[in-house]
Amino acid sequence: MKIDKRVRDGVTILEVEGKITIGKGDVALREAVHQALADGATKILMNLGSVSTIDSSGVGELVSAFTTVTNRGGRLKLLNLPPKVNDILQITQLITVFETFDNED
């Protein structure tokens, strides 16, 4: 799994690529979100367009990231949900928790 970070108009964008699964992917995601918060980010946009797989651990990590960012006064939103990720969020009703977008603008 690979996560690149960039900032655009005051929004920290995390470009997530690969698998968000138990072991490496979930830990990498947690570390990326915590690092963004440590760097002072309050608006985080997670681009999931290049995510190939997500498991229950990965879904749990998305929820944990959302909670952590929200509790610190920030906002976390999701961008470019792949069909598999969208389906899982629909089934679990988490789609009602996250704000999602189809384009970065």
C-alpha atoms as a PDB file:
ATOM      1  CA  MET A   1       0.000   0.000   0.000  1.00  0.00           C
ATOM      2  CA  LYS A   2       1.146   3.501  -0.828  1.00  0.00           C
ATOM      3  CA  ILE A   3      -0.128   6.835   0.500  1.00  0.00           C
ATOM      4  CA  ASP A   4       0.984  10.156  -0.961  1.00  0.00           C
ATOM      5  CA  LYS A   5       0.146  13.430   0.740  1.00  0.00           C
ATOM      6  CA  ARG A   6      -0.323  16.821  -0.865  1.00  0.00           C
ATOM      7  CA  VAL A   7      -2.043  20.060   0.073  1.00  0.00           C
ATOM      8  CA  ARG A   8      -4.429  21.994  -2.163  1.00  0.00           C
ATOM      9  CA  ASP A   9      -6.205  25.166  -1.027  1.00  0.00           C
ATOM     10  CA  GLY A  10      -5.712  24.318   2.645  1.00  0.00           C
ATOM     11  CA  VAL A  11      -7.014  20.762   2.240  1.00  0.00           C
ATOM     12  CA  THR A  12      -4.679  17.841   2.921  1.00  0.00           C
ATOM     13  CA  ILE A  13      -5.273  15.186   0.273  1.00  0.00           C
ATOM     14  CA  LEU A  14      -4.204  11.638   0.996  1.00  0.00           C
ATOM     15  CA  GLU A  15      -3.838   9.633  -2.223  1.00  0.00           C
ATOM     16  CA  VAL A  16      -4.366   6.012  -1.149  1.00  0.00           C
ATOM     17  CA  GLU A  17      -3.232   3.268  -3.506  1.00  0.00           C
ATOM     18  CA  GLY A  18      -3.390  -0.506  -3.059  1.00  0.00           C
ATOM     19  CA  LYS A  19      -5.122  -2.639  -0.450  1.00  0.00           C
ATOM     20  CA  ILE A  20      -6.572  -1.400   2.827  1.00  0.00           C
ATOM     21  CA  THR A  21      -6.419  -4.721   4.632  1.00  0.00           C
ATOM     22  CA  ILE A  22      -5.402  -6.099   7.998  1.00  0.00           C
ATOM     23  CA  GLY A  23      -1.692  -5.932   8.655  1.00  0.00           C
ATOM     24  CA  LYS A  24      -0.071  -3.262   6.546  1.00  0.00           C
ATOM     25  CA  GLY A  25      -2.820  -1.276   4.868  1.00  0.00           C
ATOM     26  CA  ASP A  26      -4.789  -0.408   7.968  1.00  0.00           C
ATOM     27  CA  VAL A  27      -1.659   0.598   9.894  1.00  0.00           C
ATOM     28  CA  ALA A  28      -0.381   2.754   7.012  1.00  0.00           C
ATOM     29  CA  LEU A  29      -3.739   4.518   6.800  1.00  0.00           C
ATOM     30  CA  ARG A  30      -3.783   5.203  10.549  1.00  0.00           C
ATOM     31  CA  GLU A  31      -0.229   6.545  10.473  1.00  0.00           C
ATOM     32  CA  ALA A  32      -0.953   8.795   7.485  1.00  0.00           C
ATOM     33  CA  VAL A  33      -4.007  10.330   9.174  1.00  0.00           C
ATOM     34  CA  HIS A  34      -2.188  10.834  12.485  1.00  0.00           C
ATOM     35  CA  GLN A  35       0.769  12.426  10.672  1.00  0.00           C
ATOM     36  CA  ALA A  36      -1.543  14.787   8.773  1.00  0.00           C
ATOM     37  CA  LEU A  37      -3.155  15.820  12.065  1.00  0.00           C
ATOM     38  CA  ALA A  38       0.268  16.275  13.680  1.00  0.00           C
ATOM     39  CA  ASP A  39       1.219  18.531  10.761  1.00  0.00           C
ATOM     40  CA  GLY A  40      -1.775  20.727  11.578  1.00  0.00           C
ATOM     41  CA  ALA A  41      -4.312  19.491   9.023  1.00  0.00           C
ATOM     42  CA  THR A  42      -7.959  20.104   9.874  1.00  0.00           C
ATOM     43  CA  LYS A  43      -9.443  19.310   6.468  1.00  0.00           C
ATOM     44  CA  ILE A  44      -8.531  15.891   5.095  1.00  0.00           C
ATOM     45  CA  LEU A  45      -9.716  14.443   1.803  1.00  0.00           C
ATOM     46  CA  MET A  46      -8.945  10.763   1.312  1.00  0.00           C
ATOM     47  CA  ASN A  47      -8.769   9.806  -2.369  1.00  0.00           C
ATOM     48  CA  LEU A  48      -9.634   6.092  -2.569  1.00  0.00           C
ATOM     49  CA  GLY A  49      -9.761   5.909  -6.375  1.00  0.00           C
ATOM     50  CA  SER A  50      -6.740   3.579  -6.557  1.00  0.00           C
ATOM     51  CA  VAL A  51      -7.806   1.249  -3.743  1.00  0.00           C
ATOM     52  CA  SER A  52      -8.139  -2.272  -5.086  1.00  0.00           C
ATOM     53  CA  THR A  53      -9.348  -4.086  -1.959  1.00  0.00           C
ATOM     54  CA  ILE A  54     -10.711  -3.242   1.471  1.00  0.00           C
ATOM     55  CA  ASP A  55     -11.542  -5.667   4.270  1.00  0.00           C
ATOM     56  CA  SER A  56     -13.336  -5.271   7.596  1.00  0.00           C
ATOM     57  CA  SER A  57     -10.138  -4.048   9.217  1.00  0.00           C
ATOM     58  CA  GLY A  58      -9.805  -1.386   6.533  1.00  0.00           C
ATOM     59  CA  VAL A  59     -13.415  -0.290   7.015  1.00  0.00           C
ATOM     60  CA  GLY A  60     -12.766  -0.105  10.755  1.00  0.00           C
ATOM     61  CA  GLU A  61      -9.728   2.049  10.105  1.00  0.00           C
ATOM     62  CA  LEU A  62     -11.762   4.455   7.950  1.00  0.00           C
ATOM     63  CA  VAL A  63     -14.256   4.806  10.810  1.00  0.00           C
ATOM     64  CA  SER A  64     -11.432   5.249  13.320  1.00  0.00           C
ATOM     65  CA  ALA A  65      -9.815   7.916  11.131  1.00  0.00           C
ATOM     66  CA  PHE A  66     -13.142   9.734  10.797  1.00  0.00           C
ATOM     67  CA  THR A  67     -13.652   9.657  14.576  1.00  0.00           C
ATOM     68  CA  THR A  68     -10.102  10.790  15.342  1.00  0.00           C
ATOM     69  CA  VAL A  69     -10.235  13.701  12.900  1.00  0.00           C
ATOM     70  CA  THR A  70     -13.714  14.765  14.064  1.00  0.00           C
ATOM     71  CA  ASN A  71     -12.725  14.616  17.756  1.00  0.00           C
ATOM     72  CA  ARG A  72      -9.804  16.926  16.998  1.00  0.00           C
ATOM     73  CA  GLY A  73     -12.083  19.480  15.379  1.00  0.00           C
ATOM     74  CA  GLY A  74     -11.293  18.493  11.811  1.00  0.00           C
ATOM     75  CA  ARG A  75     -13.228  17.055   8.897  1.00  0.00           C
ATOM     76  CA  LEU A  76     -12.531  13.919   6.895  1.00  0.00           C
ATOM     77  CA  LYS A  77     -14.173  13.309   3.540  1.00  0.00           C
ATOM     78  CA  LEU A  78     -13.800  10.573   0.930  1.00  0.00           C
ATOM     79  CA  LEU A  79     -13.115  10.969  -2.785  1.00  0.00           C
ATOM     80  CA  ASN A  80     -13.451   8.635  -5.792  1.00  0.00           C
ATOM     81  CA  LEU A  81     -14.907   5.572  -4.105  1.00  0.00           C
ATOM     82  CA  PRO A  82     -14.251   2.439  -6.171  1.00  0.00           C
ATOM     83  CA  PRO A  83     -17.374   0.279  -6.680  1.00  0.00           C
ATOM     84  CA  LYS A  84     -16.216  -2.348  -4.155  1.00  0.00           C
ATOM     85  CA  VAL A  85     -15.591   0.242  -1.448  1.00  0.00           C
ATOM     86  CA  ASN A  86     -18.865   2.021  -2.220  1.00  0.00           C
ATOM     87  CA  ASP A  87     -20.773  -1.276  -1.978  1.00  0.00           C
ATOM     88  CA  ILE A  88     -19.258  -2.077   1.417  1.00  0.00           C
ATOM     89  CA  LEU A  89     -20.074   1.389   2.752  1.00  0.00           C
ATOM     90  CA  GLN A  90     -23.637   1.050   1.423  1.00  0.00           C
ATOM     91  CA  ILE A  91     -24.148  -2.397   3.005  1.00  0.00           C
ATOM     92  CA  THR A  92     -22.781  -1.271   6.361  1.00  0.00           C
ATOM     93  CA  GLN A  93     -24.766   2.010   6.200  1.00  0.00           C
ATOM     94  CA  LEU A  94     -21.487   3.894   6.719  1.00  0.00           C
ATOM     95  CA  ILE A  95     -22.188   5.809   3.529  1.00  0.00           C
ATOM     96  CA  THR A  96     -24.480   7.949   5.701  1.00  0.00           C
ATOM     97  CA  VAL A  97     -21.536   8.840   7.978  1.00  0.00           C
ATOM     98  CA  PHE A  98     -18.980   9.867   5.364  1.00  0.00           C
ATOM     99  CA  GLU A  99     -19.304  12.748   2.943  1.00  0.00           C
ATOM    100  CA  THR A 100     -18.207  11.425  -0.444  1.00  0.00           C
ATOM    101  CA  PHE A 101     -17.254  13.179  -3.655  1.00  0.00           C
ATOM    102  CA  ASP A 102     -16.661  12.115  -7.262  1.00  0.00           C
ATOM    103  CA  ASN A 103     -14.164  14.858  -8.127  1.00  0.00           C
ATOM    104  CA  GLU A 104     -11.568  16.833  -6.241  1.00  0.00           C
ATOM    105  CA  ASP A 105     -12.988  20.261  -7.000  1.00  0.00           C
END
